[in-house]
Protein backbone atom coordinates (compact mmCIF):
# COMPACT_ATOMS: atom_id res chain seq x y z
CA UNK A 1 -1.68 25.53 9.25
CA UNK A 2 0.58 28.44 7.93
CA UNK A 3 2.92 30.92 9.73
CA UNK A 4 4.05 33.94 8.12
CA UNK A 5 7.43 34.62 7.67
CA UNK A 6 9.57 37.11 6.41
CA UNK A 7 12.79 36.03 4.49
CA UNK A 8 15.16 37.31 1.56
CA UNK A 9 15.36 35.14 -0.88
CA UNK A 10 17.84 35.37 -4.02
CA UNK A 11 15.82 36.66 -7.02
CA UNK A 12 17.29 35.12 -9.98
CA UNK A 13 16.83 31.34 -7.71
CA UNK A 14 13.39 32.59 -7.31
CA UNK A 15 12.62 33.39 -11.16
CA UNK A 16 13.92 29.89 -11.72
CA UNK A 17 12.14 28.35 -9.20
CA UNK A 18 9.24 29.70 -10.58
CA UNK A 19 9.58 28.71 -13.70
CA UNK A 20 10.56 24.84 -13.37
CA UNK A 21 7.59 24.61 -10.70
CA UNK A 22 5.13 26.83 -13.23
CA UNK A 23 4.23 28.66 -10.42
CA UNK A 24 3.68 32.65 -10.49
CA UNK A 25 4.08 33.66 -7.07
CA UNK A 26 7.02 33.47 -4.89
CA UNK A 27 4.90 32.15 -1.78
CA UNK A 28 3.81 29.27 -4.34
CA UNK A 29 7.87 28.71 -5.30
CA UNK A 30 8.98 28.45 -2.02
CA UNK A 31 5.87 25.68 -0.75
CA UNK A 32 7.25 23.51 -3.93
CA UNK A 33 10.47 23.81 -2.98
CA UNK A 34 9.77 22.74 0.24
CA UNK A 35 7.45 19.98 -0.50
CA UNK A 36 10.24 18.42 -3.22
CA UNK A 37 12.67 18.66 -0.44
CA UNK A 38 10.26 16.50 1.98
CA UNK A 39 9.66 14.13 -0.56
CA UNK A 40 13.10 12.88 -0.56
CA UNK A 41 13.95 9.46 1.20
CA UNK A 42 15.72 9.85 4.33
CA UNK A 43 18.52 7.76 4.99
CA UNK A 44 19.24 8.89 8.60
CA UNK A 45 17.55 5.53 10.23
CA UNK A 46 20.51 3.24 7.43
CA UNK A 47 23.02 6.00 7.90
CA UNK A 48 22.61 5.46 12.08
CA UNK A 49 23.73 1.83 11.23
CA UNK A 50 26.74 2.48 9.37
CA UNK A 51 30.12 0.62 11.12
CA UNK A 52 27.13 -2.19 12.66
CA UNK A 53 27.33 -5.36 11.40
CA UNK A 54 23.90 -5.19 10.07
CA UNK A 55 25.01 -3.58 6.50
CA UNK A 56 27.39 -4.69 4.40
CA UNK A 57 30.93 -2.78 4.39
CA UNK A 58 30.15 -1.35 1.22
CA UNK A 59 26.49 -0.62 0.98
CA UNK A 60 25.21 2.45 -0.38
CA UNK A 61 21.22 3.63 -0.39
CA UNK A 62 21.68 6.19 -2.69
CA UNK A 63 23.78 4.05 -5.06
CA UNK A 64 20.49 1.60 -4.66
CA UNK A 65 17.81 4.02 -5.50
CA UNK A 66 19.85 6.02 -8.41
CA UNK A 67 20.65 2.54 -10.08
CA UNK A 68 18.02 2.40 -12.71
CA UNK A 69 18.38 6.20 -13.32
CA UNK A 70 22.43 6.19 -13.99
CA UNK A 71 21.56 3.35 -16.23
CA UNK A 72 23.67 0.87 -14.49
CA UNK A 73 21.18 -0.97 -12.69
CA UNK A 74 22.46 -4.13 -10.32
CA UNK A 75 20.62 -7.40 -10.19
CA UNK A 76 19.40 -7.17 -7.24
CA UNK A 77 17.41 -3.41 -8.23
CA UNK A 78 16.34 -5.25 -11.36
CA UNK A 79 14.95 -8.04 -9.61
CA UNK A 80 13.23 -5.63 -7.08
CA UNK A 81 11.66 -4.07 -10.11
CA UNK A 82 10.16 -7.33 -11.39
CA UNK A 83 6.15 -8.00 -10.93
CA UNK A 84 5.50 -10.03 -7.56
CA UNK A 85 4.97 -13.34 -8.10
CA UNK A 86 0.99 -14.54 -7.71
CA UNK A 87 0.08 -15.28 -3.98
CA UNK A 88 -0.33 -18.81 -3.40
CA UNK A 89 -2.82 -21.05 -3.62
CA UNK A 90 -3.71 -24.59 -2.32
CA UNK A 91 -4.03 -27.02 -5.00
CA UNK A 92 -7.33 -28.42 -5.75
CA UNK A 93 -7.75 -31.77 -4.22
CA UNK A 94 -8.49 -34.33 -7.43
CA UNK A 95 -11.88 -35.28 -7.63
CA UNK A 96 -13.18 -38.36 -5.99
CA UNK A 97 -14.68 -40.89 -7.48
CA UNK A 98 -17.76 -43.55 -6.39
CA UNK A 99 -17.02 -46.85 -6.30
CA UNK A 100 -20.23 -48.70 -6.71
CA UNK A 101 -21.77 -50.46 -3.53
CA UNK A 102 -22.21 -54.38 -3.81
């Protein structure tokens, strides 16, 4: 579904967006910007927990997700980036040996 909309845009800003997105039309630039905005994480659910006992007082989700980009990923972030261990497989029972009958 699409909606026809008339808006006034800053020409310089649109030109920069078009160049950055690699598109040729203003419509494509606006759509690319909207898609990029919608892809960003939504922390509103976490922020609603602020002040509760669920989160530590110094918890900052933006810091957690941007730590690697900052170049100072914490141990927790580094551990989260490690590959998951292989799934559990039950040990194989030992081979049974048959005693000769008497």
